Amino acid sequence: MLVVLSGGLSNIDLEPLEVALATVHFPTVGSRSQKPKAGWPDGRRKFGEVSGAIKAVLAQNGGEMRMKTIHAEVERLLGGEVSFQSVADYLLKNSKGPKPLFERPRYGHYRLLD
C-alpha cells in the first residue's frame, strides 16, 4: 500500500511556532526570580519559628487560649499559613512529661506555664 501525502498536511509552516517559542520565558535551574516564602526553598519555615510564635502568642495573652485561636494568632504573627496540625502537635507534646511548657486546663485549651 502506497500513501501519498498532499501538500497541505505534509509541509506545515513552523515559523509561527518558532516565534511563539522564542518569546516564552523558561526559568533556568537556580533562577532567583522569586524569593522563597520562608527559610527553605520549598517554603518550609526556619527551625523554631513556629514554636517561638506559639510561645509568643501565649505569653502575650497571659491566660488560657483555645487552640483554634492560638493557630489563627500564630498565622497572623508569622504572616502566612501554618499547618493547624503543627500547632496542635507542638502544644500537645509540650503539655506532657516531666517539664511541660504548657498546661492543658481543659480539652482544646492551653496556657503557658511560668
PDB file of N, CA and C in Angstrom:
ATOM      1  N   MET A   1       0.842  -1.174   0.000  1.00  0.00           N
ATOM      2  CA  MET A   1       0.000   0.000   0.000  1.00  0.00           C
ATOM      3  C   MET A   1       0.889   1.239   0.000  1.00  0.00           C
ATOM      4  N   LEU A   2       0.612   2.132  -0.870  1.00  0.00           N
ATOM      5  CA  LEU A   2       1.388   3.348  -1.048  1.00  0.00           C
ATOM      6  C   LEU A   2       0.540   4.538  -0.615  1.00  0.00           C
ATOM      7  N   VAL A   3       1.107   5.379   0.311  1.00  0.00           N
ATOM      8  CA  VAL A   3       0.393   6.554   0.792  1.00  0.00           C
ATOM      9  C   VAL A   3       1.088   7.785   0.249  1.00  0.00           C
ATOM     10  N   VAL A   4       0.310   8.664  -0.322  1.00  0.00           N
ATOM     11  CA  VAL A   4       0.842   9.900  -0.863  1.00  0.00           C
ATOM     12  C   VAL A   4       0.287  11.048  -0.012  1.00  0.00           C
ATOM     13  N   LEU A   5       1.190  11.864   0.505  1.00  0.00           N
ATOM     14  CA  LEU A   5       0.772  12.996   1.325  1.00  0.00           C
ATOM     15  C   LEU A   5       0.490  14.193   0.439  1.00  0.00           C
ATOM     16  N   SER A   6      -0.572  14.892   0.755  1.00  0.00           N
ATOM     17  CA  SER A   6      -0.863  16.099  -0.007  1.00  0.00           C
ATOM     18  C   SER A   6      -0.087  17.259   0.600  1.00  0.00           C
ATOM     19  N   GLY A   7       0.097  18.290  -0.118  1.00  0.00           N
ATOM     20  CA  GLY A   7       0.898  19.428   0.315  1.00  0.00           C
ATOM     21  C   GLY A   7       0.396  20.120   1.565  1.00  0.00           C
ATOM     22  N   GLY A   8      -0.903  20.153   1.794  1.00  0.00           N
ATOM     23  CA  GLY A   8      -1.464  20.854   2.939  1.00  0.00           C
ATOM     24  C   GLY A   8      -1.122  20.198   4.272  1.00  0.00           C
ATOM     25  N   LEU A   9      -0.938  18.900   4.296  1.00  0.00           N
ATOM     26  CA  LEU A   9      -0.666  18.203   5.541  1.00  0.00           C
ATOM     27  C   LEU A   9       0.801  17.857   5.739  1.00  0.00           C
ATOM     28  N   SER A  10       1.565  17.794   4.691  1.00  0.00           N
ATOM     29  CA  SER A  10       2.946  17.356   4.831  1.00  0.00           C
ATOM     30  C   SER A  10       3.937  18.491   5.021  1.00  0.00           C
ATOM     31  N   ASN A  11       3.604  19.668   4.629  1.00  0.00           N
ATOM     32  CA  ASN A  11       4.531  20.802   4.712  1.00  0.00           C
ATOM     33  C   ASN A  11       3.925  21.918   5.572  1.00  0.00           C
ATOM     34  N   ILE A  12       3.832  21.692   6.881  1.00  0.00           N
ATOM     35  CA  ILE A  12       3.253  22.724   7.728  1.00  0.00           C
ATOM     36  C   ILE A  12       4.270  23.837   7.955  1.00  0.00           C
ATOM     37  N   ASP A  13       3.782  25.028   8.156  1.00  0.00           N
ATOM     38  CA  ASP A  13       4.633  26.197   8.366  1.00  0.00           C
ATOM     39  C   ASP A  13       5.025  26.260   9.841  1.00  0.00           C
ATOM     40  N   LEU A  14       6.303  26.162  10.143  1.00  0.00           N
ATOM     41  CA  LEU A  14       6.789  26.154  11.512  1.00  0.00           C
ATOM     42  C   LEU A  14       7.167  27.538  12.025  1.00  0.00           C
ATOM     43  N   GLU A  15       7.127  28.547  11.184  1.00  0.00           N
ATOM     44  CA  GLU A  15       7.550  29.879  11.598  1.00  0.00           C
ATOM     45  C   GLU A  15       6.728  30.441  12.768  1.00  0.00           C
ATOM     46  N   PRO A  16       5.391  30.345  12.776  1.00  0.00           N
ATOM     47  CA  PRO A  16       4.642  30.863  13.938  1.00  0.00           C
ATOM     48  C   PRO A  16       5.012  30.130  15.238  1.00  0.00           C
ATOM     49  N   LEU A  17       5.296  28.845  15.145  1.00  0.00           N
ATOM     50  CA  LEU A  17       5.693  28.079  16.316  1.00  0.00           C
ATOM     51  C   LEU A  17       7.058  28.533  16.819  1.00  0.00           C
ATOM     52  N   GLU A  18       7.980  28.785  15.915  1.00  0.00           N
ATOM     53  CA  GLU A  18       9.316  29.255  16.303  1.00  0.00           C
ATOM     54  C   GLU A  18       9.229  30.619  16.991  1.00  0.00           C
ATOM     55  N   VAL A  19       8.393  31.513  16.475  1.00  0.00           N
ATOM     56  CA  VAL A  19       8.226  32.840  17.061  1.00  0.00           C
ATOM     57  C   VAL A  19       7.614  32.722  18.461  1.00  0.00           C
ATOM     58  N   ALA A  20       6.628  31.859  18.607  1.00  0.00           N
ATOM     59  CA  ALA A  20       5.976  31.686  19.908  1.00  0.00           C
ATOM     60  C   ALA A  20       6.951  31.117  20.932  1.00  0.00           C
ATOM     61  N   LEU A  21       7.749  30.155  20.536  1.00  0.00           N
ATOM     62  CA  LEU A  21       8.707  29.561  21.465  1.00  0.00           C
ATOM     63  C   LEU A  21       9.835  30.526  21.823  1.00  0.00           C
ATOM     64  N   ALA A  22      10.183  31.408  20.915  1.00  0.00           N
ATOM     65  CA  ALA A  22      11.251  32.360  21.180  1.00  0.00           C
ATOM     66  C   ALA A  22      10.820  33.425  22.190  1.00  0.00           C
ATOM     67  N   THR A  23       9.524  33.694  22.292  1.00  0.00           N
ATOM     68  CA  THR A  23       9.054  34.732  23.213  1.00  0.00           C
ATOM     69  C   THR A  23       8.697  34.186  24.591  1.00  0.00           C
ATOM     70  N   VAL A  24       8.636  32.875  24.767  1.00  0.00           N
ATOM     71  CA  VAL A  24       8.296  32.282  26.060  1.00  0.00           C
ATOM     72  C   VAL A  24       9.536  32.266  26.943  1.00  0.00           C
ATOM     73  N   HIS A  25       9.376  32.663  28.210  1.00  0.00           N
ATOM     74  CA  HIS A  25      10.489  32.659  29.154  1.00  0.00           C
ATOM     75  C   HIS A  25      10.465  31.354  29.936  1.00  0.00           C
ATOM     76  N   PHE A  26      11.512  30.556  29.776  1.00  0.00           N
ATOM     77  CA  PHE A  26      11.659  29.321  30.532  1.00  0.00           C
ATOM     78  C   PHE A  26      12.678  29.569  31.634  1.00  0.00           C
ATOM     79  N   PRO A  27      12.282  29.428  32.915  1.00  0.00           N
ATOM     80  CA  PRO A  27      13.237  29.669  34.004  1.00  0.00           C
ATOM     81  C   PRO A  27      14.361  28.633  33.989  1.00  0.00           C
ATOM     82  N   THR A  28      15.551  29.104  34.266  1.00  0.00           N
ATOM     83  CA  THR A  28      16.696  28.205  34.297  1.00  0.00           C
ATOM     84  C   THR A  28      16.858  27.642  35.700  1.00  0.00           C
ATOM     85  N   VAL A  29      17.593  26.576  35.807  1.00  0.00           N
ATOM     86  CA  VAL A  29      17.844  25.969  37.106  1.00  0.00           C
ATOM     87  C   VAL A  29      18.650  26.955  37.942  1.00  0.00           C
ATOM     88  N   GLY A  30      18.217  27.175  39.161  1.00  0.00           N
ATOM     89  CA  GLY A  30      18.911  28.120  40.029  1.00  0.00           C
ATOM     90  C   GLY A  30      18.487  29.557  39.812  1.00  0.00           C
ATOM     91  N   SER A  31      17.459  29.779  39.015  1.00  0.00           N
ATOM     92  CA  SER A  31      16.970  31.128  38.767  1.00  0.00           C
ATOM     93  C   SER A  31      16.429  31.728  40.057  1.00  0.00           C
ATOM     94  N   ARG A  32      16.744  32.961  40.326  1.00  0.00           N
ATOM     95  CA  ARG A  32      16.317  33.626  41.562  1.00  0.00           C
ATOM     96  C   ARG A  32      15.260  34.684  41.264  1.00  0.00           C
ATOM     97  N   SER A  33      14.297  34.340  40.391  1.00  0.00           N
ATOM     98  CA  SER A  33      13.279  35.320  40.041  1.00  0.00           C
ATOM     99  C   SER A  33      12.292  35.556  41.174  1.00  0.00           C
ATOM    100  N   GLN A  34      12.076  34.539  42.056  1.00  0.00           N
ATOM    101  CA  GLN A  34      11.188  34.703  43.190  1.00  0.00           C
ATOM    102  C   GLN A  34      11.929  34.335  44.463  1.00  0.00           C
ATOM    103  N   LYS A  35      11.680  35.119  45.510  1.00  0.00           N
ATOM    104  CA  LYS A  35      12.274  34.799  46.799  1.00  0.00           C
ATOM    105  C   LYS A  35      11.475  33.683  47.449  1.00  0.00           C
ATOM    106  N   PRO A  36      12.126  32.789  48.155  1.00  0.00           N
ATOM    107  CA  PRO A  36      11.372  31.766  48.868  1.00  0.00           C
ATOM    108  C   PRO A  36      10.518  32.399  49.963  1.00  0.00           C
ATOM    109  N   LYS A  37       9.382  31.750  50.284  1.00  0.00           N
ATOM    110  CA  LYS A  37       8.447  32.287  51.266  1.00  0.00           C
ATOM    111  C   LYS A  37       9.004  32.243  52.673  1.00  0.00           C
ATOM    112  N   ALA A  38       9.855  31.275  52.961  1.00  0.00           N
ATOM    113  CA  ALA A  38      10.367  31.129  54.316  1.00  0.00           C
ATOM    114  C   ALA A  38      11.837  30.731  54.248  1.00  0.00           C
ATOM    115  N   GLY A  39      12.301  30.016  55.258  1.00  0.00           N
ATOM    116  CA  GLY A  39      13.710  29.695  55.365  1.00  0.00           C
ATOM    117  C   GLY A  39      14.231  28.683  54.357  1.00  0.00           C
ATOM    118  N   TRP A  40      13.373  27.822  53.828  1.00  0.00           N
ATOM    119  CA  TRP A  40      13.808  26.796  52.886  1.00  0.00           C
ATOM    120  C   TRP A  40      13.268  27.125  51.499  1.00  0.00           C
ATOM    121  N   PRO A  41      13.949  26.693  50.439  1.00  0.00           N
ATOM    122  CA  PRO A  41      13.460  26.972  49.085  1.00  0.00           C
ATOM    123  C   PRO A  41      12.086  26.366  48.796  1.00  0.00           C
ATOM    124  N   ASP A  42      11.740  25.272  49.495  1.00  0.00           N
ATOM    125  CA  ASP A  42      10.445  24.648  49.241  1.00  0.00           C
ATOM    126  C   ASP A  42       9.334  25.244  50.101  1.00  0.00           C
ATOM    127  N   GLY A  43       9.611  26.318  50.836  1.00  0.00           N
ATOM    128  CA  GLY A  43       8.582  27.017  51.592  1.00  0.00           C
ATOM    129  C   GLY A  43       8.526  26.681  53.069  1.00  0.00           C
ATOM    130  N   ARG A  44       9.326  25.707  53.506  1.00  0.00           N
ATOM    131  CA  ARG A  44       9.315  25.390  54.937  1.00  0.00           C
ATOM    132  C   ARG A  44       9.908  26.551  55.722  1.00  0.00           C
ATOM    133  N   ARG A  45       9.457  26.673  56.941  1.00  0.00           N
ATOM    134  CA  ARG A  45       9.946  27.752  57.794  1.00  0.00           C
ATOM    135  C   ARG A  45      11.242  27.357  58.476  1.00  0.00           C
ATOM    136  N   LYS A  46      11.945  28.350  58.995  1.00  0.00           N
ATOM    137  CA  LYS A  46      13.182  28.091  59.728  1.00  0.00           C
ATOM    138  C   LYS A  46      12.882  27.334  61.006  1.00  0.00           C
ATOM    139  N   PHE A  47      13.850  26.554  61.455  1.00  0.00           N
ATOM    140  CA  PHE A  47      13.675  25.757  62.661  1.00  0.00           C
ATOM    141  C   PHE A  47      13.358  26.654  63.849  1.00  0.00           C
ATOM    142  N   GLY A  48      12.321  26.316  64.600  1.00  0.00           N
ATOM    143  CA  GLY A  48      11.953  27.049  65.803  1.00  0.00           C
ATOM    144  C   GLY A  48      11.054  28.246  65.579  1.00  0.00           C
ATOM    145  N   GLU A  49      10.753  28.561  64.332  1.00  0.00           N
ATOM    146  CA  GLU A  49       9.948  29.746  64.045  1.00  0.00           C
ATOM    147  C   GLU A  49       8.499  29.577  64.528  1.00  0.00           C
ATOM    148  N   VAL A  50       7.906  28.419  64.264  1.00  0.00           N
ATOM    149  CA  VAL A  50       6.521  28.188  64.668  1.00  0.00           C
ATOM    150  C   VAL A  50       6.428  28.032  66.184  1.00  0.00           C
ATOM    151  N   SER A  51       7.348  27.278  66.773  1.00  0.00           N
ATOM    152  CA  SER A  51       7.309  27.088  68.233  1.00  0.00           C
ATOM    153  C   SER A  51       7.516  28.416  68.961  1.00  0.00           C
ATOM    154  N   GLY A  52       8.401  29.249  68.451  1.00  0.00           N
ATOM    155  CA  GLY A  52       8.611  30.574  69.044  1.00  0.00           C
ATOM    156  C   GLY A  52       7.369  31.444  68.955  1.00  0.00           C
ATOM    157  N   ALA A  53       6.670  31.334  67.824  1.00  0.00           N
ATOM    158  CA  ALA A  53       5.442  32.114  67.654  1.00  0.00           C
ATOM    159  C   ALA A  53       4.345  31.624  68.596  1.00  0.00           C
ATOM    160  N   ILE A  54       4.260  30.322  68.804  1.00  0.00           N
ATOM    161  CA  ILE A  54       3.260  29.764  69.724  1.00  0.00           C
ATOM    162  C   ILE A  54       3.515  30.289  71.136  1.00  0.00           C
ATOM    163  N   LYS A  55       4.776  30.252  71.555  1.00  0.00           N
ATOM    164  CA  LYS A  55       5.130  30.746  72.891  1.00  0.00           C
ATOM    165  C   LYS A  55       4.829  32.245  73.008  1.00  0.00           C
ATOM    166  N   ALA A  56       5.142  33.001  71.970  1.00  0.00           N
ATOM    167  CA  ALA A  56       4.913  34.447  71.998  1.00  0.00           C
ATOM    168  C   ALA A  56       3.423  34.772  72.092  1.00  0.00           C
ATOM    169  N   VAL A  57       2.599  34.035  71.357  1.00  0.00           N
ATOM    170  CA  VAL A  57       1.154  34.268  71.385  1.00  0.00           C
ATOM    171  C   VAL A  57       0.597  33.992  72.767  1.00  0.00           C
ATOM    172  N   LEU A  58       1.008  32.871  73.362  1.00  0.00           N
ATOM    173  CA  LEU A  58       0.510  32.531  74.698  1.00  0.00           C
ATOM    174  C   LEU A  58       1.056  33.477  75.763  1.00  0.00           C
ATOM    175  N   ALA A  59       2.291  33.922  75.621  1.00  0.00           N
ATOM    176  CA  ALA A  59       2.864  34.868  76.586  1.00  0.00           C
ATOM    177  C   ALA A  59       2.168  36.221  76.503  1.00  0.00           C
ATOM    178  N   GLN A  60       1.851  36.643  75.300  1.00  0.00           N
ATOM    179  CA  GLN A  60       1.192  37.930  75.101  1.00  0.00           C
ATOM    180  C   GLN A  60      -0.210  37.924  75.701  1.00  0.00           C
ATOM    181  N   ASN A  61      -0.912  36.809  75.570  1.00  0.00           N
ATOM    182  CA  ASN A  61      -2.265  36.696  76.106  1.00  0.00           C
ATOM    183  C   ASN A  61      -2.239  36.573  77.620  1.00  0.00           C
ATOM    184  N   GLY A  62      -1.306  35.784  78.125  1.00  0.00           N
ATOM    185  CA  GLY A  62      -1.162  35.645  79.561  1.00  0.00           C
ATOM    186  C   GLY A  62      -2.125  34.680  80.218  1.00  0.00           C
ATOM    187  N   GLY A  63      -3.094  34.192  79.510  1.00  0.00           N
ATOM    188  CA  GLY A  63      -4.074  33.276  80.103  1.00  0.00           C
ATOM    189  C   GLY A  63      -4.331  32.085  79.215  1.00  0.00           C
ATOM    190  N   GLU A  64      -5.425  31.442  79.490  1.00  0.00           N
ATOM    191  CA  GLU A  64      -5.852  30.265  78.739  1.00  0.00           C
ATOM    192  C   GLU A  64      -6.372  30.685  77.367  1.00  0.00           C
ATOM    193  N   MET A  65      -5.983  29.929  76.345  1.00  0.00           N
ATOM    194  CA  MET A  65      -6.453  30.219  74.988  1.00  0.00           C
ATOM    195  C   MET A  65      -6.917  28.940  74.315  1.00  0.00           C
ATOM    196  N   ARG A  66      -7.875  29.091  73.463  1.00  0.00           N
ATOM    197  CA  ARG A  66      -8.370  27.986  72.659  1.00  0.00           C
ATOM    198  C   ARG A  66      -7.365  27.680  71.550  1.00  0.00           C
ATOM    199  N   MET A  67      -7.180  26.395  71.227  1.00  0.00           N
ATOM    200  CA  MET A  67      -6.190  26.008  70.219  1.00  0.00           C
ATOM    201  C   MET A  67      -6.464  26.666  68.865  1.00  0.00           C
ATOM    202  N   LYS A  68      -7.714  26.783  68.501  1.00  0.00           N
ATOM    203  CA  LYS A  68      -8.078  27.406  67.226  1.00  0.00           C
ATOM    204  C   LYS A  68      -7.631  28.871  67.188  1.00  0.00           C
ATOM    205  N   THR A  69      -7.774  29.554  68.299  1.00  0.00           N
ATOM    206  CA  THR A  69      -7.367  30.961  68.401  1.00  0.00           C
ATOM    207  C   THR A  69      -5.848  31.083  68.378  1.00  0.00           C
ATOM    208  N   ILE A  70      -5.176  30.159  69.057  1.00  0.00           N
ATOM    209  CA  ILE A  70      -3.708  30.158  69.043  1.00  0.00           C
ATOM    210  C   ILE A  70      -3.214  30.008  67.618  1.00  0.00           C
ATOM    211  N   HIS A  71      -3.797  29.076  66.872  1.00  0.00           N
ATOM    212  CA  HIS A  71      -3.402  28.840  65.474  1.00  0.00           C
ATOM    213  C   HIS A  71      -3.596  30.100  64.631  1.00  0.00           C
ATOM    214  N   ALA A  72      -4.731  30.743  64.773  1.00  0.00           N
ATOM    215  CA  ALA A  72      -5.007  31.960  63.997  1.00  0.00           C
ATOM    216  C   ALA A  72      -4.012  33.068  64.333  1.00  0.00           C
ATOM    217  N   GLU A  73      -3.682  33.217  65.611  1.00  0.00           N
ATOM    218  CA  GLU A  73      -2.734  34.256  66.023  1.00  0.00           C
ATOM    219  C   GLU A  73      -1.307  33.941  65.557  1.00  0.00           C
ATOM    220  N   VAL A  74      -0.940  32.669  65.538  1.00  0.00           N
ATOM    221  CA  VAL A  74       0.385  32.264  65.031  1.00  0.00           C
ATOM    222  C   VAL A  74       0.491  32.610  63.551  1.00  0.00           C
ATOM    223  N   GLU A  75      -0.550  32.318  62.780  1.00  0.00           N
ATOM    224  CA  GLU A  75      -0.543  32.664  61.354  1.00  0.00           C
ATOM    225  C   GLU A  75      -0.451  34.178  61.156  1.00  0.00           C
ATOM    226  N   ARG A  76      -1.171  34.929  61.967  1.00  0.00           N
ATOM    227  CA  ARG A  76      -1.120  36.388  61.857  1.00  0.00           C
ATOM    228  C   ARG A  76       0.278  36.903  62.199  1.00  0.00           C
ATOM    229  N   LEU A  77       0.860  36.357  63.260  1.00  0.00           N
ATOM    230  CA  LEU A  77       2.184  36.789  63.701  1.00  0.00           C
ATOM    231  C   LEU A  77       3.267  36.475  62.663  1.00  0.00           C
ATOM    232  N   LEU A  78       3.178  35.287  62.047  1.00  0.00           N
ATOM    233  CA  LEU A  78       4.180  34.889  61.061  1.00  0.00           C
ATOM    234  C   LEU A  78       3.872  35.400  59.655  1.00  0.00           C
ATOM    235  N   GLY A  79       2.691  35.926  59.451  1.00  0.00           N
ATOM    236  CA  GLY A  79       2.334  36.497  58.151  1.00  0.00           C
ATOM    237  C   GLY A  79       2.146  35.478  57.058  1.00  0.00           C
ATOM    238  N   GLY A  80       1.634  34.317  57.386  1.00  0.00           N
ATOM    239  CA  GLY A  80       1.395  33.290  56.374  1.00  0.00           C
ATOM    240  C   GLY A  80       0.752  32.066  56.973  1.00  0.00           C
ATOM    241  N   GLU A  81       0.482  31.104  56.099  1.00  0.00           N
ATOM    242  CA  GLU A  81      -0.187  29.887  56.540  1.00  0.00           C
ATOM    243  C   GLU A  81       0.738  29.003  57.367  1.00  0.00           C
ATOM    244  N   VAL A  82       0.164  28.402  58.390  1.00  0.00           N
ATOM    245  CA  VAL A  82       0.849  27.435  59.234  1.00  0.00           C
ATOM    246  C   VAL A  82      -0.101  26.254  59.381  1.00  0.00           C
ATOM    247  N   SER A  83       0.413  25.064  59.283  1.00  0.00           N
ATOM    248  CA  SER A  83      -0.407  23.874  59.427  1.00  0.00           C
ATOM    249  C   SER A  83      -1.029  23.844  60.823  1.00  0.00           C
ATOM    250  N   PHE A  84      -2.348  23.640  60.869  1.00  0.00           N
ATOM    251  CA  PHE A  84      -3.036  23.534  62.150  1.00  0.00           C
ATOM    252  C   PHE A  84      -2.468  22.361  62.938  1.00  0.00           C
ATOM    253  N   GLN A  85      -2.136  21.283  62.237  1.00  0.00           N
ATOM    254  CA  GLN A  85      -1.612  20.092  62.895  1.00  0.00           C
ATOM    255  C   GLN A  85      -0.249  20.358  63.538  1.00  0.00           C
ATOM    256  N   SER A  86       0.555  21.221  62.951  1.00  0.00           N
ATOM    257  CA  SER A  86       1.850  21.568  63.544  1.00  0.00           C
ATOM    258  C   SER A  86       1.666  22.264  64.890  1.00  0.00           C
ATOM    259  N   VAL A  87       0.712  23.176  64.938  1.00  0.00           N
ATOM    260  CA  VAL A  87       0.436  23.899  66.181  1.00  0.00           C
ATOM    261  C   VAL A  87      -0.135  22.944  67.224  1.00  0.00           C
ATOM    262  N   ALA A  88      -1.108  22.144  66.815  1.00  0.00           N
ATOM    263  CA  ALA A  88      -1.753  21.217  67.741  1.00  0.00           C
ATOM    264  C   ALA A  88      -0.763  20.197  68.288  1.00  0.00           C
ATOM    265  N   ASP A  89       0.088  19.666  67.427  1.00  0.00           N
ATOM    266  CA  ASP A  89       1.069  18.659  67.840  1.00  0.00           C
ATOM    267  C   ASP A  89       2.078  19.254  68.825  1.00  0.00           C
ATOM    268  N   TYR A  90       2.559  20.452  68.547  1.00  0.00           N
ATOM    269  CA  TYR A  90       3.529  21.096  69.434  1.00  0.00           C
ATOM    270  C   TYR A  90       2.918  21.351  70.813  1.00  0.00           C
ATOM    271  N   LEU A  91       1.690  21.842  70.836  1.00  0.00           N
ATOM    272  CA  LEU A  91       1.030  22.117  72.111  1.00  0.00           C
ATOM    273  C   LEU A  91       0.797  20.832  72.905  1.00  0.00           C
ATOM    274  N   LEU A  92       0.323  19.801  72.229  1.00  0.00           N
ATOM    275  CA  LEU A  92       0.023  18.547  72.916  1.00  0.00           C
ATOM    276  C   LEU A  92       1.281  17.883  73.460  1.00  0.00           C
ATOM    277  N   LYS A  93       2.324  17.805  72.631  1.00  0.00           N
ATOM    278  CA  LYS A  93       3.571  17.156  73.062  1.00  0.00           C
ATOM    279  C   LYS A  93       4.249  17.902  74.204  1.00  0.00           C
ATOM    280  N   ASN A  94       4.145  19.211  74.199  1.00  0.00           N
ATOM    281  CA  ASN A  94       4.831  20.008  75.216  1.00  0.00           C
ATOM    282  C   ASN A  94       3.946  20.356  76.414  1.00  0.00           C
ATOM    283  N   SER A  95       2.823  19.678  76.524  1.00  0.00           N
ATOM    284  CA  SER A  95       1.990  19.833  77.721  1.00  0.00           C
ATOM    285  C   SER A  95       2.048  18.562  78.574  1.00  0.00           C
ATOM    286  N   LYS A  96       2.929  17.641  78.198  1.00  0.00           N
ATOM    287  CA  LYS A  96       3.094  16.384  78.926  1.00  0.00           C
ATOM    288  C   LYS A  96       4.559  16.209  79.311  1.00  0.00           C
ATOM    289  N   GLY A  97       4.819  15.251  80.157  1.00  0.00           N
ATOM    290  CA  GLY A  97       6.186  14.925  80.511  1.00  0.00           C
ATOM    291  C   GLY A  97       6.638  15.587  81.798  1.00  0.00           C
ATOM    292  N   PRO A  98       7.923  15.386  82.135  1.00  0.00           N
ATOM    293  CA  PRO A  98       8.437  15.901  83.412  1.00  0.00           C
ATOM    294  C   PRO A  98       8.570  17.429  83.465  1.00  0.00           C
ATOM    295  N   LYS A  99       8.839  18.071  82.334  1.00  0.00           N
ATOM    296  CA  LYS A  99       8.993  19.533  82.309  1.00  0.00           C
ATOM    297  C   LYS A  99       8.118  20.132  81.202  1.00  0.00           C
ATOM    298  N   PRO A 100       6.811  20.188  81.400  1.00  0.00           N
ATOM    299  CA  PRO A 100       5.933  20.723  80.343  1.00  0.00           C
ATOM    300  C   PRO A 100       6.071  22.243  80.203  1.00  0.00           C
ATOM    301  N   LEU A 101       5.903  22.722  78.983  1.00  0.00           N
ATOM    302  CA  LEU A 101       5.916  24.167  78.715  1.00  0.00           C
ATOM    303  C   LEU A 101       4.516  24.765  78.851  1.00  0.00           C
ATOM    304  N   PHE A 102       3.511  23.933  78.596  1.00  0.00           N
ATOM    305  CA  PHE A 102       2.133  24.399  78.578  1.00  0.00           C
ATOM    306  C   PHE A 102       1.276  23.570  79.523  1.00  0.00           C
ATOM    307  N   GLU A 103       0.210  24.182  79.985  1.00  0.00           N
ATOM    308  CA  GLU A 103      -0.789  23.482  80.772  1.00  0.00           C
ATOM    309  C   GLU A 103      -2.034  23.340  79.908  1.00  0.00           C
ATOM    310  N   ARG A 104      -2.675  22.190  80.005  1.00  0.00           N
ATOM    311  CA  ARG A 104      -3.916  21.947  79.272  1.00  0.00           C
ATOM    312  C   ARG A 104      -5.049  21.847  80.303  1.00  0.00           C
ATOM    313  N   PRO A 105      -5.646  23.002  80.673  1.00  0.00           N
ATOM    314  CA  PRO A 105      -6.662  23.005  81.726  1.00  0.00           C
ATOM    315  C   PRO A 105      -7.936  22.253  81.329  1.00  0.00           C
ATOM    316  N   ARG A 106      -8.264  22.261  80.060  1.00  0.00           N
ATOM    317  CA  ARG A 106      -9.407  21.510  79.551  1.00  0.00           C
ATOM    318  C   ARG A 106      -9.185  21.230  78.072  1.00  0.00           C
ATOM    319  N   TYR A 107     -10.018  20.392  77.525  1.00  0.00           N
ATOM    320  CA  TYR A 107      -9.866  19.949  76.137  1.00  0.00           C
ATOM    321  C   TYR A 107      -9.806  21.144  75.173  1.00  0.00           C
ATOM    322  N   GLY A 108      -8.737  21.179  74.355  1.00  0.00           N
ATOM    323  CA  GLY A 108      -8.610  22.207  73.332  1.00  0.00           C
ATOM    324  C   GLY A 108      -8.165  23.566  73.818  1.00  0.00           C
ATOM    325  N   HIS A 109      -7.797  23.699  75.086  1.00  0.00           N
ATOM    326  CA  HIS A 109      -7.352  24.971  75.653  1.00  0.00           C
ATOM    327  C   HIS A 109      -5.982  24.792  76.283  1.00  0.00           C
ATOM    328  N   TYR A 110      -5.126  25.820  76.108  1.00  0.00           N
ATOM    329  CA  TYR A 110      -3.762  25.753  76.632  1.00  0.00           C
ATOM    330  C   TYR A 110      -3.394  27.090  77.252  1.00  0.00           C
ATOM    331  N   ARG A 111      -2.434  27.016  78.177  1.00  0.00           N
ATOM    332  CA  ARG A 111      -1.839  28.244  78.735  1.00  0.00           C
ATOM    333  C   ARG A 111      -0.359  27.959  78.955  1.00  0.00           C
ATOM    334  N   LEU A 112       0.438  29.015  78.879  1.00  0.00           N
ATOM    335  CA  LEU A 112       1.883  28.929  79.063  1.00  0.00           C
ATOM    336  C   LEU A 112       2.190  28.828  80.541  1.00  0.00           C
ATOM    337  N   LEU A 113       3.053  27.885  80.894  1.00  0.00           N
ATOM    338  CA  LEU A 113       3.479  27.755  82.291  1.00  0.00           C
ATOM    339  C   LEU A 113       4.632  28.709  82.551  1.00  0.00           C
ATOM    340  N   ASP A 114       4.721  29.206  83.765  1.00  0.00           N
ATOM    341  CA  ASP A 114       5.800  30.144  84.135  1.00  0.00           C
ATOM    342  C   ASP A 114       7.118  29.460  84.328  1.00  0.00           C
TER     343      ASP A 114
END
